[in-house]
Amino acid sequence: APVTCTTRVIQAEGAQITFQVEARDAYELIAR
């Protein structure tokens, strides 16, 4: 099955960067 993972920066403080991440297959959101 194909999967698409997307990431988005939600915070950058000092040397630390936080991302929201999610993965979808052809049918649904599979992880967040």
PDB file of all heavy atoms in Angstrom:
ATOM      1  N   ALA A   1       0.832  -1.218   0.000  1.00  0.00           N
ATOM      2  CA  ALA A   1       0.000   0.000   0.000  1.00  0.00           C
ATOM      3  C   ALA A   1       0.860   1.259   0.000  1.00  0.00           C
ATOM      4  O   ALA A   1       1.905   1.310   0.643  1.00  0.00           O
ATOM      5  CB  ALA A   1      -0.910   0.009   1.218  1.00  0.00           C
ATOM      6  N   PRO A   2       0.423   2.303  -0.722  1.00  0.00           N
ATOM      7  CA  PRO A   2       1.144   3.581  -0.681  1.00  0.00           C
ATOM      8  C   PRO A   2       0.818   4.349   0.598  1.00  0.00           C
ATOM      9  O   PRO A   2      -0.306   4.297   1.096  1.00  0.00           O
ATOM     10  CB  PRO A   2       0.623   4.323  -1.909  1.00  0.00           C
ATOM     11  CG  PRO A   2      -0.739   3.753  -2.133  1.00  0.00           C
ATOM     12  CD  PRO A   2      -0.696   2.327  -1.661  1.00  0.00           C
ATOM     13  N   VAL A   3       1.826   5.070   1.098  1.00  0.00           N
ATOM     14  CA  VAL A   3       1.669   5.882   2.306  1.00  0.00           C
ATOM     15  C   VAL A   3       2.306   7.246   2.051  1.00  0.00           C
ATOM     16  O   VAL A   3       3.356   7.341   1.421  1.00  0.00           O
ATOM     17  CB  VAL A   3       2.355   5.208   3.526  1.00  0.00           C
ATOM     18  CG1 VAL A   3       2.303   6.109   4.759  1.00  0.00           C
ATOM     19  CG2 VAL A   3       1.734   3.854   3.825  1.00  0.00           C
ATOM     20  N   THR A   4       1.658   8.286   2.555  1.00  0.00           N
ATOM     21  CA  THR A   4       2.206   9.638   2.517  1.00  0.00           C
ATOM     22  C   THR A   4       2.369  10.125   3.947  1.00  0.00           C
ATOM     23  O   THR A   4       1.422  10.083   4.735  1.00  0.00           O
ATOM     24  CB  THR A   4       1.275  10.600   1.752  1.00  0.00           C
ATOM     25  OG1 THR A   4       1.135  10.120   0.418  1.00  0.00           O
ATOM     26  CG2 THR A   4       1.832  12.014   1.743  1.00  0.00           C
ATOM     27  N   CYS A   5       3.581  10.571   4.270  1.00  0.00           N
ATOM     28  CA  CYS A   5       3.864  11.143   5.592  1.00  0.00           C
ATOM     29  C   CYS A   5       4.100  12.638   5.407  1.00  0.00           C
ATOM     30  O   CYS A   5       4.898  13.037   4.554  1.00  0.00           O
ATOM     31  CB  CYS A   5       5.103  10.520   6.209  1.00  0.00           C
ATOM     32  SG  CYS A   5       4.981   8.741   6.460  1.00  0.00           S
ATOM     33  N   THR A   6       3.406  13.444   6.196  1.00  0.00           N
ATOM     34  CA  THR A   6       3.601  14.890   6.147  1.00  0.00           C
ATOM     35  C   THR A   6       4.053  15.381   7.513  1.00  0.00           C
ATOM     36  O   THR A   6       3.663  14.847   8.546  1.00  0.00           O
ATOM     37  CB  THR A   6       2.324  15.633   5.722  1.00  0.00           C
ATOM     38  OG1 THR A   6       1.265  15.293   6.610  1.00  0.00           O
ATOM     39  CG2 THR A   6       1.923  15.275   4.305  1.00  0.00           C
ATOM     40  N   THR A   7       4.904  16.400   7.484  1.00  0.00           N
ATOM     41  CA  THR A   7       5.441  16.979   8.713  1.00  0.00           C
ATOM     42  C   THR A   7       5.305  18.493   8.635  1.00  0.00           C
ATOM     43  O   THR A   7       5.369  19.070   7.557  1.00  0.00           O
ATOM     44  CB  THR A   7       6.918  16.590   8.906  1.00  0.00           C
ATOM     45  OG1 THR A   7       7.698  17.153   7.854  1.00  0.00           O
ATOM     46  CG2 THR A   7       7.098  15.081   8.911  1.00  0.00           C
ATOM     47  N   ARG A   8       5.089  19.120   9.792  1.00  0.00           N
ATOM     48  CA  ARG A   8       4.938  20.578   9.827  1.00  0.00           C
ATOM     49  C   ARG A   8       5.555  21.108  11.099  1.00  0.00           C
ATOM     50  O   ARG A   8       5.258  20.627  12.203  1.00  0.00           O
ATOM     51  CB  ARG A   8       3.452  20.941   9.775  1.00  0.00           C
ATOM     52  CG  ARG A   8       3.179  22.433   9.748  1.00  0.00           C
ATOM     53  CD  ARG A   8       1.702  22.727   9.516  1.00  0.00           C
ATOM     54  NE  ARG A   8       0.831  22.160  10.531  1.00  0.00           N
ATOM     55  CZ  ARG A   8       0.519  22.746  11.678  1.00  0.00           C
ATOM     56  NH1 ARG A   8       1.014  23.934  11.975  1.00  0.00           N
ATOM     57  NH2 ARG A   8      -0.301  22.163  12.525  1.00  0.00           N
ATOM     58  N   VAL A   9       6.432  22.104  10.960  1.00  0.00           N
ATOM     59  CA  VAL A   9       7.034  22.743  12.128  1.00  0.00           C
ATOM     60  C   VAL A   9       5.932  23.470  12.904  1.00  0.00           C
ATOM     61  O   VAL A   9       5.174  24.258  12.336  1.00  0.00           O
ATOM     62  CB  VAL A   9       8.134  23.760  11.723  1.00  0.00           C
ATOM     63  CG1 VAL A   9       8.622  24.556  12.936  1.00  0.00           C
ATOM     64  CG2 VAL A   9       9.290  23.059  11.032  1.00  0.00           C
ATOM     65  N   ILE A  10       5.835  23.167  14.203  1.00  0.00           N
ATOM     66  CA  ILE A  10       4.860  23.879  15.032  1.00  0.00           C
ATOM     67  C   ILE A  10       5.523  24.733  16.107  1.00  0.00           C
ATOM     68  O   ILE A  10       4.880  25.600  16.678  1.00  0.00           O
ATOM     69  CB  ILE A  10       3.818  22.924  15.665  1.00  0.00           C
ATOM     70  CG1 ILE A  10       4.481  21.889  16.566  1.00  0.00           C
ATOM     71  CG2 ILE A  10       2.958  22.282  14.585  1.00  0.00           C
ATOM     72  CD1 ILE A  10       3.503  21.089  17.410  1.00  0.00           C
ATOM     73  N   GLN A  11       6.839  24.493  16.347  1.00  0.00           N
ATOM     74  CA  GLN A  11       7.549  25.316  17.330  1.00  0.00           C
ATOM     75  C   GLN A  11       9.048  25.187  17.100  1.00  0.00           C
ATOM     76  O   GLN A  11       9.550  24.096  16.829  1.00  0.00           O
ATOM     77  CB  GLN A  11       7.197  24.862  18.739  1.00  0.00           C
ATOM     78  CG  GLN A  11       7.779  25.737  19.825  1.00  0.00           C
ATOM     79  CD  GLN A  11       7.310  25.280  21.200  1.00  0.00           C
ATOM     80  OE1 GLN A  11       7.063  24.110  21.429  1.00  0.00           O
ATOM     81  NE2 GLN A  11       7.173  26.224  22.099  1.00  0.00           N
ATOM     82  N   ALA A  12       9.745  26.292  17.215  1.00  0.00           N
ATOM     83  CA  ALA A  12      11.215  26.292  17.143  1.00  0.00           C
ATOM     84  C   ALA A  12      11.717  27.217  18.240  1.00  0.00           C
ATOM     85  O   ALA A  12      11.538  28.430  18.174  1.00  0.00           O
ATOM     86  CB  ALA A  12      11.689  26.770  15.774  1.00  0.00           C
ATOM     87  N   GLU A  13      12.312  26.609  19.280  1.00  0.00           N
ATOM     88  CA  GLU A  13      12.856  27.362  20.409  1.00  0.00           C
ATOM     89  C   GLU A  13      14.291  26.935  20.647  1.00  0.00           C
ATOM     90  O   GLU A  13      14.545  25.758  20.911  1.00  0.00           O
ATOM     91  CB  GLU A  13      12.039  27.091  21.678  1.00  0.00           C
ATOM     92  CG  GLU A  13      10.752  27.845  21.762  1.00  0.00           C
ATOM     93  CD  GLU A  13      10.095  27.664  23.126  1.00  0.00           C
ATOM     94  OE1 GLU A  13      10.784  27.353  24.110  1.00  0.00           O
ATOM     95  OE2 GLU A  13       8.875  27.843  23.177  1.00  0.00           O
ATOM     96  N   GLY A  14      15.195  27.870  20.543  1.00  0.00           N
ATOM     97  CA  GLY A  14      16.603  27.534  20.736  1.00  0.00           C
ATOM     98  C   GLY A  14      17.028  26.467  19.756  1.00  0.00           C
ATOM     99  O   GLY A  14      16.794  26.576  18.558  1.00  0.00           O
ATOM    100  N   ALA A  15      17.611  25.404  20.280  1.00  0.00           N
ATOM    101  CA  ALA A  15      18.095  24.318  19.436  1.00  0.00           C
ATOM    102  C   ALA A  15      17.065  23.212  19.246  1.00  0.00           C
ATOM    103  O   ALA A  15      17.361  22.185  18.660  1.00  0.00           O
ATOM    104  CB  ALA A  15      19.367  23.731  20.040  1.00  0.00           C
ATOM    105  N   GLN A  16      15.844  23.401  19.745  1.00  0.00           N
ATOM    106  CA  GLN A  16      14.825  22.363  19.643  1.00  0.00           C
ATOM    107  C   GLN A  16      13.711  22.773  18.685  1.00  0.00           C
ATOM    108  O   GLN A  16      13.211  23.892  18.750  1.00  0.00           O
ATOM    109  CB  GLN A  16      14.239  22.051  21.014  1.00  0.00           C
ATOM    110  CG  GLN A  16      15.266  21.454  21.944  1.00  0.00           C
ATOM    111  CD  GLN A  16      14.675  21.048  23.282  1.00  0.00           C
ATOM    112  OE1 GLN A  16      13.474  21.102  23.498  1.00  0.00           O
ATOM    113  NE2 GLN A  16      15.541  20.643  24.192  1.00  0.00           N
ATOM    114  N   ILE A  17      13.334  21.826  17.812  1.00  0.00           N
ATOM    115  CA  ILE A  17      12.273  22.072  16.838  1.00  0.00           C
ATOM    116  C   ILE A  17      11.238  20.971  16.998  1.00  0.00           C
ATOM    117  O   ILE A  17      11.581  19.778  17.045  1.00  0.00           O
ATOM    118  CB  ILE A  17      12.816  22.092  15.390  1.00  0.00           C
ATOM    119  CG1 ILE A  17      13.828  23.228  15.209  1.00  0.00           C
ATOM    120  CG2 ILE A  17      11.686  22.286  14.391  1.00  0.00           C
ATOM    121  CD1 ILE A  17      15.223  22.794  15.299  1.00  0.00           C
ATOM    122  N   THR A  18       9.971  21.357  17.079  1.00  0.00           N
ATOM    123  CA  THR A  18       8.880  20.404  17.239  1.00  0.00           C
ATOM    124  C   THR A  18       8.031  20.380  15.978  1.00  0.00           C
ATOM    125  O   THR A  18       7.673  21.429  15.442  1.00  0.00           O
ATOM    126  CB  THR A  18       8.004  20.767  18.451  1.00  0.00           C
ATOM    127  OG1 THR A  18       8.840  20.852  19.612  1.00  0.00           O
ATOM    128  CG2 THR A  18       6.919  19.728  18.686  1.00  0.00           C
ATOM    129  N   PHE A  19       7.718  19.167  15.540  1.00  0.00           N
ATOM    130  CA  PHE A  19       6.909  18.939  14.342  1.00  0.00           C
ATOM    131  C   PHE A  19       5.618  18.213  14.687  1.00  0.00           C
ATOM    132  O   PHE A  19       5.623  17.313  15.526  1.00  0.00           O
ATOM    133  CB  PHE A  19       7.657  18.026  13.363  1.00  0.00           C
ATOM    134  CG  PHE A  19       8.813  18.661  12.667  1.00  0.00           C
ATOM    135  CD1 PHE A  19      10.036  18.794  13.305  1.00  0.00           C
ATOM    136  CD2 PHE A  19       8.695  19.116  11.364  1.00  0.00           C
ATOM    137  CE1 PHE A  19      11.123  19.358  12.660  1.00  0.00           C
ATOM    138  CE2 PHE A  19       9.764  19.683  10.708  1.00  0.00           C
ATOM    139  CZ  PHE A  19      10.981  19.812  11.354  1.00  0.00           C
ATOM    140  N   GLN A  20       4.550  18.581  14.007  1.00  0.00           N
ATOM    141  CA  GLN A  20       3.362  17.745  13.976  1.00  0.00           C
ATOM    142  C   GLN A  20       3.583  16.800  12.799  1.00  0.00           C
ATOM    143  O   GLN A  20       4.020  17.234  11.724  1.00  0.00           O
ATOM    144  CB  GLN A  20       2.096  18.555  13.754  1.00  0.00           C
ATOM    145  CG  GLN A  20       0.861  17.685  13.688  1.00  0.00           C
ATOM    146  CD  GLN A  20      -0.394  18.493  13.434  1.00  0.00           C
ATOM    147  OE1 GLN A  20      -0.352  19.665  13.080  1.00  0.00           O
ATOM    148  NE2 GLN A  20      -1.529  17.855  13.597  1.00  0.00           N
ATOM    149  N   VAL A  21       3.325  15.516  13.000  1.00  0.00           N
ATOM    150  CA  VAL A  21       3.541  14.528  11.953  1.00  0.00           C
ATOM    151  C   VAL A  21       2.264  13.720  11.758  1.00  0.00           C
ATOM    152  O   VAL A  21       1.501  13.510  12.706  1.00  0.00           O
ATOM    153  CB  VAL A  21       4.724  13.585  12.284  1.00  0.00           C
ATOM    154  CG1 VAL A  21       6.022  14.376  12.402  1.00  0.00           C
ATOM    155  CG2 VAL A  21       4.489  12.797  13.563  1.00  0.00           C
ATOM    156  N   GLU A  22       2.040  13.310  10.508  1.00  0.00           N
ATOM    157  CA  GLU A  22       0.938  12.399  10.265  1.00  0.00           C
ATOM    158  C   GLU A  22       1.217  11.545   9.044  1.00  0.00           C
ATOM    159  O   GLU A  22       2.035  11.905   8.196  1.00  0.00           O
ATOM    160  CB  GLU A  22      -0.412  13.097  10.182  1.00  0.00           C
ATOM    161  CG  GLU A  22      -0.641  14.071   9.106  1.00  0.00           C
ATOM    162  CD  GLU A  22      -2.053  14.658   9.152  1.00  0.00           C
ATOM    163  OE1 GLU A  22      -2.536  15.051  10.229  1.00  0.00           O
ATOM    164  OE2 GLU A  22      -2.665  14.728   8.087  1.00  0.00           O
ATOM    165  N   ALA A  23       0.560  10.397   9.010  1.00  0.00           N
ATOM    166  CA  ALA A  23       0.715   9.463   7.896  1.00  0.00           C
ATOM    167  C   ALA A  23      -0.667   9.019   7.443  1.00  0.00           C
ATOM    168  O   ALA A  23      -1.556   8.795   8.266  1.00  0.00           O
ATOM    169  CB  ALA A  23       1.544   8.262   8.326  1.00  0.00           C
ATOM    170  N   ARG A  24      -0.820   8.906   6.123  1.00  0.00           N
ATOM    171  CA  ARG A  24      -2.075   8.465   5.520  1.00  0.00           C
ATOM    172  C   ARG A  24      -1.790   7.395   4.490  1.00  0.00           C
ATOM    173  O   ARG A  24      -0.811   7.484   3.769  1.00  0.00           O
ATOM    174  CB  ARG A  24      -2.778   9.620   4.805  1.00  0.00           C
ATOM    175  CG  ARG A  24      -3.235  10.727   5.711  1.00  0.00           C
ATOM    176  CD  ARG A  24      -3.945  11.842   4.917  1.00  0.00           C
ATOM    177  NE  ARG A  24      -4.493  12.813   5.830  1.00  0.00           N
ATOM    178  CZ  ARG A  24      -5.671  12.700   6.443  1.00  0.00           C
ATOM    179  NH1 ARG A  24      -6.441  11.681   6.175  1.00  0.00           N
ATOM    180  NH2 ARG A  24      -6.089  13.607   7.290  1.00  0.00           N
ATOM    181  N   ASP A  25      -2.666   6.395   4.439  1.00  0.00           N
ATOM    182  CA  ASP A  25      -2.620   5.474   3.320  1.00  0.00           C
ATOM    183  C   ASP A  25      -3.721   5.910   2.352  1.00  0.00           C
ATOM    184  O   ASP A  25      -4.286   6.994   2.505  1.00  0.00           O
ATOM    185  CB  ASP A  25      -2.722   4.005   3.768  1.00  0.00           C
ATOM    186  CG  ASP A  25      -4.026   3.631   4.463  1.00  0.00           C
ATOM    187  OD1 ASP A  25      -5.040   4.353   4.314  1.00  0.00           O
ATOM    188  OD2 ASP A  25      -4.038   2.588   5.141  1.00  0.00           O
ATOM    189  N   ALA A  26      -4.034   5.102   1.362  1.00  0.00           N
ATOM    190  CA  ALA A  26      -5.014   5.494   0.355  1.00  0.00           C
ATOM    191  C   ALA A  26      -6.435   5.592   0.923  1.00  0.00           C
ATOM    192  O   ALA A  26      -7.308   6.185   0.293  1.00  0.00           O
ATOM    193  CB  ALA A  26      -4.991   4.503  -0.813  1.00  0.00           C
ATOM    194  N   TYR A  27      -6.652   5.051   2.120  1.00  0.00           N
ATOM    195  CA  TYR A  27      -7.991   4.994   2.685  1.00  0.00           C
ATOM    196  C   TYR A  27      -8.237   5.940   3.844  1.00  0.00           C
ATOM    197  O   TYR A  27      -9.349   6.420   4.025  1.00  0.00           O
ATOM    198  CB  TYR A  27      -8.296   3.556   3.147  1.00  0.00           C
ATOM    199  CG  TYR A  27      -8.253   2.579   2.019  1.00  0.00           C
ATOM    200  CD1 TYR A  27      -7.109   1.835   1.775  1.00  0.00           C
ATOM    201  CD2 TYR A  27      -9.336   2.424   1.163  1.00  0.00           C
ATOM    202  CE1 TYR A  27      -7.043   0.944   0.721  1.00  0.00           C
ATOM    203  CE2 TYR A  27      -9.288   1.542   0.103  1.00  0.00           C
ATOM    204  CZ  TYR A  27      -8.138   0.805  -0.117  1.00  0.00           C
ATOM    205  OH  TYR A  27      -8.080  -0.070  -1.167  1.00  0.00           O
ATOM    206  N   GLU A  28      -7.197   6.189   4.647  1.00  0.00           N
ATOM    207  CA  GLU A  28      -7.460   6.922   5.885  1.00  0.00           C
ATOM    208  C   GLU A  28      -6.174   7.437   6.530  1.00  0.00           C
ATOM    209  O   GLU A  28      -5.065   7.058   6.145  1.00  0.00           O
ATOM    210  CB  GLU A  28      -8.184   6.017   6.882  1.00  0.00           C
ATOM    211  CG  GLU A  28      -7.356   4.802   7.297  1.00  0.00           C
ATOM    212  CD  GLU A  28      -8.138   3.764   8.081  1.00  0.00           C
ATOM    213  OE1 GLU A  28      -9.081   4.130   8.817  1.00  0.00           O
ATOM    214  OE2 GLU A  28      -7.819   2.575   7.945  1.00  0.00           O
ATOM    215  N   LEU A  29      -6.363   8.273   7.538  1.00  0.00           N
ATOM    216  CA  LEU A  29      -5.273   8.707   8.406  1.00  0.00           C
ATOM    217  C   LEU A  29      -4.860   7.494   9.229  1.00  0.00           C
ATOM    218  O   LEU A  29      -5.708   6.858   9.859  1.00  0.00           O
ATOM    219  CB  LEU A  29      -5.757   9.837   9.316  1.00  0.00           C
ATOM    220  CG  LEU A  29      -4.765  10.395  10.317  1.00  0.00           C
ATOM    221  CD1 LEU A  29      -3.656  11.153   9.599  1.00  0.00           C
ATOM    222  CD2 LEU A  29      -5.475  11.308  11.305  1.00  0.00           C
ATOM    223  N   ILE A  30      -3.575   7.151   9.206  1.00  0.00           N
ATOM    224  CA  ILE A  30      -3.138   5.956   9.937  1.00  0.00           C
ATOM    225  C   ILE A  30      -2.324   6.280  11.181  1.00  0.00           C
ATOM    226  O   ILE A  30      -2.207   5.453  12.083  1.00  0.00           O
ATOM    227  CB  ILE A  30      -2.351   4.983   9.036  1.00  0.00           C
ATOM    228  CG1 ILE A  30      -1.083   5.634   8.483  1.00  0.00           C
ATOM    229  CG2 ILE A  30      -3.243   4.454   7.922  1.00  0.00           C
ATOM    230  CD1 ILE A  30      -0.115   4.661   7.829  1.00  0.00           C
ATOM    231  N   ALA A  31      -1.757   7.499  11.238  1.00  0.00           N
ATOM    232  CA  ALA A  31      -0.958   7.867  12.411  1.00  0.00           C
ATOM    233  C   ALA A  31      -0.870   9.380  12.513  1.00  0.00           C
ATOM    234  O   ALA A  31      -0.884  10.092  11.505  1.00  0.00           O
ATOM    235  CB  ALA A  31       0.442   7.270  12.324  1.00  0.00           C
ATOM    236  N   ARG A  32      -0.738   9.848  13.751  1.00  0.00           N
ATOM    237  CA  ARG A  32      -0.573  11.285  13.997  1.00  0.00           C
ATOM    238  C   ARG A  32       0.173  11.459  15.312  1.00  0.00           C
ATOM    239  O   ARG A  32       0.016  10.670  16.238  1.00  0.00           O
ATOM    240  CB  ARG A  32      -1.928  11.973  14.091  1.00  0.00           C
ATOM    241  CG  ARG A  32      -1.795  13.466  14.423  1.00  0.00           C
ATOM    242  CD  ARG A  32      -3.126  14.160  14.520  1.00  0.00           C
ATOM    243  NE  ARG A  32      -3.648  14.346  13.173  1.00  0.00           N
ATOM    244  CZ  ARG A  32      -4.942  14.369  12.867  1.00  0.00           C
ATOM    245  NH1 ARG A  32      -5.845  14.182  13.796  1.00  0.00           N
ATOM    246  NH2 ARG A  32      -5.329  14.568  11.627  1.00  0.00           N
TER     247      ARG A  32
END
